[in-house]
PDB file of all heavy atoms in Angstrom:
ATOM      1  N   THR A   1      86.696 105.515 102.819  1.00  0.00           N
ATOM      2  CA  THR A   1      88.011 106.124 103.008  1.00  0.00           C
ATOM      3  C   THR A   1      88.755 105.568 104.216  1.00  0.00           C
ATOM      4  O   THR A   1      89.900 105.934 104.447  1.00  0.00           O
ATOM      5  CB  THR A   1      87.893 107.647 103.146  1.00  0.00           C
ATOM      6  OG1 THR A   1      86.960 107.942 104.187  1.00  0.00           O
ATOM      7  CG2 THR A   1      87.429 108.275 101.860  1.00  0.00           C
ATOM      8  N   TYR A   2      88.142 104.690 104.998  1.00  0.00           N
ATOM      9  CA  TYR A   2      88.844 104.056 106.106  1.00  0.00           C
ATOM     10  C   TYR A   2      89.549 102.769 105.668  1.00  0.00           C
ATOM     11  O   TYR A   2      90.154 102.091 106.480  1.00  0.00           O
ATOM     12  CB  TYR A   2      87.864 103.729 107.243  1.00  0.00           C
ATOM     13  CG  TYR A   2      87.359 104.965 107.959  1.00  0.00           C
ATOM     14  CD1 TYR A   2      86.069 105.406 107.761  1.00  0.00           C
ATOM     15  CD2 TYR A   2      88.182 105.687 108.825  1.00  0.00           C
ATOM     16  CE1 TYR A   2      85.592 106.538 108.408  1.00  0.00           C
ATOM     17  CE2 TYR A   2      87.728 106.816 109.463  1.00  0.00           C
ATOM     18  CZ  TYR A   2      86.429 107.240 109.265  1.00  0.00           C
ATOM     19  OH  TYR A   2      85.968 108.363 109.898  1.00  0.00           O
ATOM     20  N   PHE A   3      89.445 102.433 104.406  1.00  0.00           N
ATOM     21  CA  PHE A   3      89.995 101.182 103.879  1.00  0.00           C
ATOM     22  C   PHE A   3      91.194 101.480 102.997  1.00  0.00           C
ATOM     23  O   PHE A   3      91.133 102.305 102.089  1.00  0.00           O
ATOM     24  CB  PHE A   3      88.909 100.467 103.069  1.00  0.00           C
ATOM     25  CG  PHE A   3      89.364  99.212 102.368  1.00  0.00           C
ATOM     26  CD1 PHE A   3      89.854  98.141 103.084  1.00  0.00           C
ATOM     27  CD2 PHE A   3      89.283  99.112 100.984  1.00  0.00           C
ATOM     28  CE1 PHE A   3      90.259  96.975 102.438  1.00  0.00           C
ATOM     29  CE2 PHE A   3      89.677  97.954 100.331  1.00  0.00           C
ATOM     30  CZ  PHE A   3      90.166  96.886 101.070  1.00  0.00           C
ATOM     31  N   GLY A   4      92.309 100.808 103.269  1.00  0.00           N
ATOM     32  CA  GLY A   4      93.500 100.947 102.432  1.00  0.00           C
ATOM     33  C   GLY A   4      93.380 100.037 101.232  1.00  0.00           C
ATOM     34  O   GLY A   4      93.781  98.877 101.272  1.00  0.00           O
ATOM     35  N   GLU A   5      92.820 100.571 100.159  1.00  0.00           N
ATOM     36  CA  GLU A   5      92.507  99.745  98.988  1.00  0.00           C
ATOM     37  C   GLU A   5      93.760  99.175  98.335  1.00  0.00           C
ATOM     38  O   GLU A   5      94.694  99.911  98.032  1.00  0.00           O
ATOM     39  CB  GLU A   5      91.717 100.563  97.977  1.00  0.00           C
ATOM     40  CG  GLU A   5      91.221  99.765  96.799  1.00  0.00           C
ATOM     41  CD  GLU A   5      90.215 100.519  95.958  1.00  0.00           C
ATOM     42  OE1 GLU A   5      89.417 101.288  96.525  1.00  0.00           O
ATOM     43  OE2 GLU A   5      90.244 100.344  94.718  1.00  0.00           O
ATOM     44  N   PRO A   6      93.796  97.859  98.101  1.00  0.00           N
ATOM     45  CA  PRO A   6      94.978  97.271  97.460  1.00  0.00           C
ATOM     46  C   PRO A   6      95.117  97.701  96.001  1.00  0.00           C
ATOM     47  O   PRO A   6      94.117  97.875  95.299  1.00  0.00           O
ATOM     48  CB  PRO A   6      94.714  95.754  97.545  1.00  0.00           C
ATOM     49  CG  PRO A   6      93.603  95.580  98.519  1.00  0.00           C
ATOM     50  CD  PRO A   6      92.803  96.833  98.462  1.00  0.00           C
ATOM     51  N   VAL A   7      96.334  97.845  95.572  1.00  0.00           N
ATOM     52  CA  VAL A   7      96.671  98.077  94.167  1.00  0.00           C
ATOM     53  C   VAL A   7      97.496  96.879  93.716  1.00  0.00           C
ATOM     54  O   VAL A   7      98.559  96.602  94.275  1.00  0.00           O
ATOM     55  CB  VAL A   7      97.472  99.381  93.979  1.00  0.00           C
ATOM     56  CG1 VAL A   7      97.924  99.521  92.529  1.00  0.00           C
ATOM     57  CG2 VAL A   7      96.639 100.577  94.399  1.00  0.00           C
ATOM     58  N   PHE A   8      96.991  96.142  92.720  1.00  0.00           N
ATOM     59  CA  PHE A   8      97.669  94.939  92.243  1.00  0.00           C
ATOM     60  C   PHE A   8      98.329  95.204  90.892  1.00  0.00           C
ATOM     61  O   PHE A   8      97.736  95.849  90.019  1.00  0.00           O
ATOM     62  CB  PHE A   8      96.669  93.786  92.078  1.00  0.00           C
ATOM     63  CG  PHE A   8      95.917  93.452  93.334  1.00  0.00           C
ATOM     64  CD1 PHE A   8      94.548  93.677  93.412  1.00  0.00           C
ATOM     65  CD2 PHE A   8      96.570  92.912  94.434  1.00  0.00           C
ATOM     66  CE1 PHE A   8      93.840  93.368  94.564  1.00  0.00           C
ATOM     67  CE2 PHE A   8      95.876  92.603  95.592  1.00  0.00           C
ATOM     68  CZ  PHE A   8      94.501  92.833  95.654  1.00  0.00           C
ATOM     69  N   ILE A   9      99.536  94.705  90.714  1.00  0.00           N
ATOM     70  CA  ILE A   9     100.195  94.802  89.417  1.00  0.00           C
ATOM     71  C   ILE A   9     100.724  93.424  89.022  1.00  0.00           C
ATOM     72  O   ILE A   9     100.995  92.572  89.878  1.00  0.00           O
ATOM     73  CB  ILE A   9     101.338  95.831  89.396  1.00  0.00           C
ATOM     74  CG1 ILE A   9     102.514  95.364  90.262  1.00  0.00           C
ATOM     75  CG2 ILE A   9     100.879  97.195  89.840  1.00  0.00           C
ATOM     76  CD1 ILE A   9     103.781  96.126  89.956  1.00  0.00           C
ATOM     77  N   VAL A  10     100.836  93.227  87.716  1.00  0.00           N
ATOM     78  CA  VAL A  10     101.349  91.967  87.176  1.00  0.00           C
ATOM     79  C   VAL A  10     102.865  92.074  87.023  1.00  0.00           C
ATOM     80  O   VAL A  10     103.372  93.051  86.468  1.00  0.00           O
ATOM     81  CB  VAL A  10     100.713  91.656  85.811  1.00  0.00           C
ATOM     82  CG1 VAL A  10     101.270  90.349  85.248  1.00  0.00           C
ATOM     83  CG2 VAL A  10      99.199  91.582  85.929  1.00  0.00           C
ATOM     84  N   GLY A  11     103.578  91.087  87.514  1.00  0.00           N
ATOM     85  CA  GLY A  11     105.025  91.083  87.349  1.00  0.00           C
ATOM     86  C   GLY A  11     105.677  90.081  88.278  1.00  0.00           C
ATOM     87  O   GLY A  11     105.041  89.506  89.161  1.00  0.00           O
ATOM     88  N   ASN A  12     106.957  89.857  88.056  1.00  0.00           N
ATOM     89  CA  ASN A  12     107.730  88.976  88.917  1.00  0.00           C
ATOM     90  C   ASN A  12     108.249  89.786  90.101  1.00  0.00           C
ATOM     91  O   ASN A  12     108.947  90.778  89.925  1.00  0.00           O
ATOM     92  CB  ASN A  12     108.888  88.365  88.131  1.00  0.00           C
ATOM     93  CG  ASN A  12     109.571  87.248  88.896  1.00  0.00           C
ATOM     94  OD1 ASN A  12     109.978  87.426  90.037  1.00  0.00           O
ATOM     95  ND2 ASN A  12     109.703  86.088  88.260  1.00  0.00           N
ATOM     96  N   CYS A  13     107.913  89.358  91.307  1.00  0.00           N
ATOM     97  CA  CYS A  13     108.271  90.142  92.491  1.00  0.00           C
ATOM     98  C   CYS A  13     109.774  90.186  92.742  1.00  0.00           C
ATOM     99  O   CYS A  13     110.248  90.980  93.560  1.00  0.00           O
ATOM    100  CB  CYS A  13     107.545  89.611  93.719  1.00  0.00           C
ATOM    101  SG  CYS A  13     108.014  87.938  94.212  1.00  0.00           S
ATOM    102  N   LEU A  14     110.530  89.348  92.044  1.00  0.00           N
ATOM    103  CA  LEU A  14     111.985  89.382  92.181  1.00  0.00           C
ATOM    104  C   LEU A  14     112.638  90.415  91.269  1.00  0.00           C
ATOM    105  O   LEU A  14     113.859  90.570  91.283  1.00  0.00           O
ATOM    106  CB  LEU A  14     112.574  87.998  91.889  1.00  0.00           C
ATOM    107  CG  LEU A  14     112.250  86.916  92.915  1.00  0.00           C
ATOM    108  CD1 LEU A  14     112.762  85.564  92.446  1.00  0.00           C
ATOM    109  CD2 LEU A  14     112.830  87.266  94.282  1.00  0.00           C
ATOM    110  N   SER A  15     111.831  91.100  90.467  1.00  0.00           N
ATOM    111  CA  SER A  15     112.400  92.103  89.558  1.00  0.00           C
ATOM    112  C   SER A  15     111.900  93.504  89.873  1.00  0.00           C
ATOM    113  O   SER A  15     111.844  94.370  89.014  1.00  0.00           O
ATOM    114  CB  SER A  15     112.062  91.746  88.098  1.00  0.00           C
ATOM    115  OG  SER A  15     110.669  91.653  87.895  1.00  0.00           O
ATOM    116  N   LEU A  16     111.540  93.749  91.142  1.00  0.00           N
ATOM    117  CA  LEU A  16     111.166  95.096  91.565  1.00  0.00           C
ATOM    118  C   LEU A  16     112.405  95.982  91.630  1.00  0.00           C
ATOM    119  O   LEU A  16     113.512  95.517  91.909  1.00  0.00           O
ATOM    120  CB  LEU A  16     110.515  95.058  92.948  1.00  0.00           C
ATOM    121  CG  LEU A  16     109.076  94.554  93.029  1.00  0.00           C
ATOM    122  CD1 LEU A  16     108.682  94.381  94.492  1.00  0.00           C
ATOM    123  CD2 LEU A  16     108.138  95.533  92.355  1.00  0.00           C
ATOM    124  N   ASN A  17     112.204  97.256  91.376  1.00  0.00           N
ATOM    125  CA  ASN A  17     113.278  98.227  91.515  1.00  0.00           C
ATOM    126  C   ASN A  17     113.427  98.557  92.994  1.00  0.00           C
ATOM    127  O   ASN A  17     112.634  99.317  93.558  1.00  0.00           O
ATOM    128  CB  ASN A  17     112.957  99.489  90.714  1.00  0.00           C
ATOM    129  CG  ASN A  17     114.098 100.493  90.740  1.00  0.00           C
ATOM    130  OD1 ASN A  17     115.039 100.367  91.524  1.00  0.00           O
ATOM    131  ND2 ASN A  17     114.020 101.495  89.887  1.00  0.00           N
ATOM    132  N   THR A  18     114.413  97.987  93.656  1.00  0.00           N
ATOM    133  CA  THR A  18     114.570  98.156  95.104  1.00  0.00           C
ATOM    134  C   THR A  18     115.060  99.546  95.493  1.00  0.00           C
ATOM    135  O   THR A  18     115.083  99.883  96.675  1.00  0.00           O
ATOM    136  CB  THR A  18     115.550  97.112  95.661  1.00  0.00           C
ATOM    137  OG1 THR A  18     116.815  97.214  94.985  1.00  0.00           O
ATOM    138  CG2 THR A  18     115.003  95.703  95.469  1.00  0.00           C
ATOM    139  N   HIS A  19     115.466 100.362  94.512  1.00  0.00           N
ATOM    140  CA  HIS A  19     115.889 101.736  94.811  1.00  0.00           C
ATOM    141  C   HIS A  19     114.703 102.694  94.781  1.00  0.00           C
ATOM    142  O   HIS A  19     114.843 103.872  95.111  1.00  0.00           O
ATOM    143  CB  HIS A  19     116.942 102.200  93.799  1.00  0.00           C
ATOM    144  CG  HIS A  19     118.174 101.349  93.793  1.00  0.00           C
ATOM    145  ND1 HIS A  19     119.069 101.340  94.839  1.00  0.00           N
ATOM    146  CD2 HIS A  19     118.657 100.462  92.881  1.00  0.00           C
ATOM    147  CE1 HIS A  19     120.057 100.496  94.568  1.00  0.00           C
ATOM    148  NE2 HIS A  19     119.826  99.957  93.385  1.00  0.00           N
ATOM    149  N   TYR A  20     113.553 102.203  94.390  1.00  0.00           N
ATOM    150  CA  TYR A  20     112.394 103.059  94.171  1.00  0.00           C
ATOM    151  C   TYR A  20     111.593 103.284  95.451  1.00  0.00           C
ATOM    152  O   TYR A  20     111.203 104.399  95.769  1.00  0.00           O
ATOM    153  CB  TYR A  20     111.510 102.435  93.090  1.00  0.00           C
ATOM    154  CG  TYR A  20     110.215 103.150  92.817  1.00  0.00           C
ATOM    155  CD1 TYR A  20     110.198 104.486  92.443  1.00  0.00           C
ATOM    156  CD2 TYR A  20     109.004 102.481  92.928  1.00  0.00           C
ATOM    157  CE1 TYR A  20     109.015 105.140  92.184  1.00  0.00           C
ATOM    158  CE2 TYR A  20     107.814 103.131  92.668  1.00  0.00           C
ATOM    159  CZ  TYR A  20     107.821 104.457  92.295  1.00  0.00           C
ATOM    160  OH  TYR A  20     106.643 105.098  92.045  1.00  0.00           O
ATOM    161  N   ARG A  21     111.357 102.240  96.211  1.00  0.00           N
ATOM    162  CA  ARG A  21     110.504 102.363  97.393  1.00  0.00           C
ATOM    163  C   ARG A  21     110.785 101.234  98.371  1.00  0.00           C
ATOM    164  O   ARG A  21     111.045 100.112  97.974  1.00  0.00           O
ATOM    165  CB  ARG A  21     109.033 102.310  96.979  1.00  0.00           C
ATOM    166  CG  ARG A  21     108.054 102.433  98.131  1.00  0.00           C
ATOM    167  CD  ARG A  21     106.613 102.205  97.693  1.00  0.00           C
ATOM    168  NE  ARG A  21     106.057 103.359  97.025  1.00  0.00           N
ATOM    169  CZ  ARG A  21     105.553 103.336  95.796  1.00  0.00           C
ATOM    170  NH1 ARG A  21     105.558 102.216  95.107  1.00  0.00           N
ATOM    171  NH2 ARG A  21     105.051 104.421  95.259  1.00  0.00           N
ATOM    172  N   GLN A  22     110.756 101.567  99.670  1.00  0.00           N
ATOM    173  CA  GLN A  22     110.801 100.565 100.729  1.00  0.00           C
ATOM    174  C   GLN A  22     109.492 100.628 101.509  1.00  0.00           C
ATOM    175  O   GLN A  22     108.787 101.635 101.478  1.00  0.00           O
ATOM    176  CB  GLN A  22     111.993 100.802 101.663  1.00  0.00           C
ATOM    177  CG  GLN A  22     113.337 100.524 101.017  1.00  0.00           C
ATOM    178  CD  GLN A  22     114.492 100.756 101.976  1.00  0.00           C
ATOM    179  OE1 GLN A  22     114.518 101.749 102.703  1.00  0.00           O
ATOM    180  NE2 GLN A  22     115.444  99.838 101.982  1.00  0.00           N
ATOM    181  N   TYR A  23     109.191  99.554 102.224  1.00  0.00           N
ATOM    182  CA  TYR A  23     107.897  99.428 102.894  1.00  0.00           C
ATOM    183  C   TYR A  23     108.075  99.166 104.387  1.00  0.00           C
ATOM    184  O   TYR A  23     109.091  98.625 104.825  1.00  0.00           O
ATOM    185  CB  TYR A  23     107.096  98.280 102.270  1.00  0.00           C
ATOM    186  CG  TYR A  23     106.659  98.545 100.856  1.00  0.00           C
ATOM    187  CD1 TYR A  23     107.540  98.359  99.793  1.00  0.00           C
ATOM    188  CD2 TYR A  23     105.374  98.988 100.572  1.00  0.00           C
ATOM    189  CE1 TYR A  23     107.148  98.609  98.483  1.00  0.00           C
ATOM    190  CE2 TYR A  23     104.960  99.241  99.264  1.00  0.00           C
ATOM    191  CZ  TYR A  23     105.855  99.048  98.232  1.00  0.00           C
ATOM    192  OH  TYR A  23     105.458  99.308  96.940  1.00  0.00           O
ATOM    193  N   ASP A  24     107.033  99.519 105.159  1.00  0.00           N
ATOM    194  CA  ASP A  24     107.037  99.221 106.590  1.00  0.00           C
ATOM    195  C   ASP A  24     106.844  97.734 106.842  1.00  0.00           C
ATOM    196  O   ASP A  24     107.403  97.185 107.799  1.00  0.00           O
ATOM    197  CB  ASP A  24     105.895  99.978 107.291  1.00  0.00           C
ATOM    198  CG  ASP A  24     106.055 101.481 107.208  1.00  0.00           C
ATOM    199  OD1 ASP A  24     107.106 101.981 107.647  1.00  0.00           O
ATOM    200  OD2 ASP A  24     105.133 102.156 106.699  1.00  0.00           O
ATOM    201  N   ARG A  25     106.021  97.099 105.993  1.00  0.00           N
ATOM    202  CA  ARG A  25     105.723  95.685 106.160  1.00  0.00           C
ATOM    203  C   ARG A  25     105.757  95.003 104.798  1.00  0.00           C
ATOM    204  O   ARG A  25     105.188  95.509 103.830  1.00  0.00           O
ATOM    205  CB  ARG A  25     104.340  95.472 106.798  1.00  0.00           C
ATOM    206  CG  ARG A  25     104.156  96.148 108.164  1.00  0.00           C
ATOM    207  CD  ARG A  25     104.984  95.456 109.224  1.00  0.00           C
ATOM    208  NE  ARG A  25     104.680  95.963 110.554  1.00  0.00           N
ATOM    209  CZ  ARG A  25     105.346  96.950 111.159  1.00  0.00           C
ATOM    210  NH1 ARG A  25     106.350  97.553 110.514  1.00  0.00           N
ATOM    211  NH2 ARG A  25     105.023  97.321 112.382  1.00  0.00           N
TER     212      ARG A  25
END
């Protein structure tokens, strides 16, 4: 539980919904 496990998805990173979520990094 001390590890931030990655979640990977298949897709083109230029077609993300930018209204859905923003990130710290």
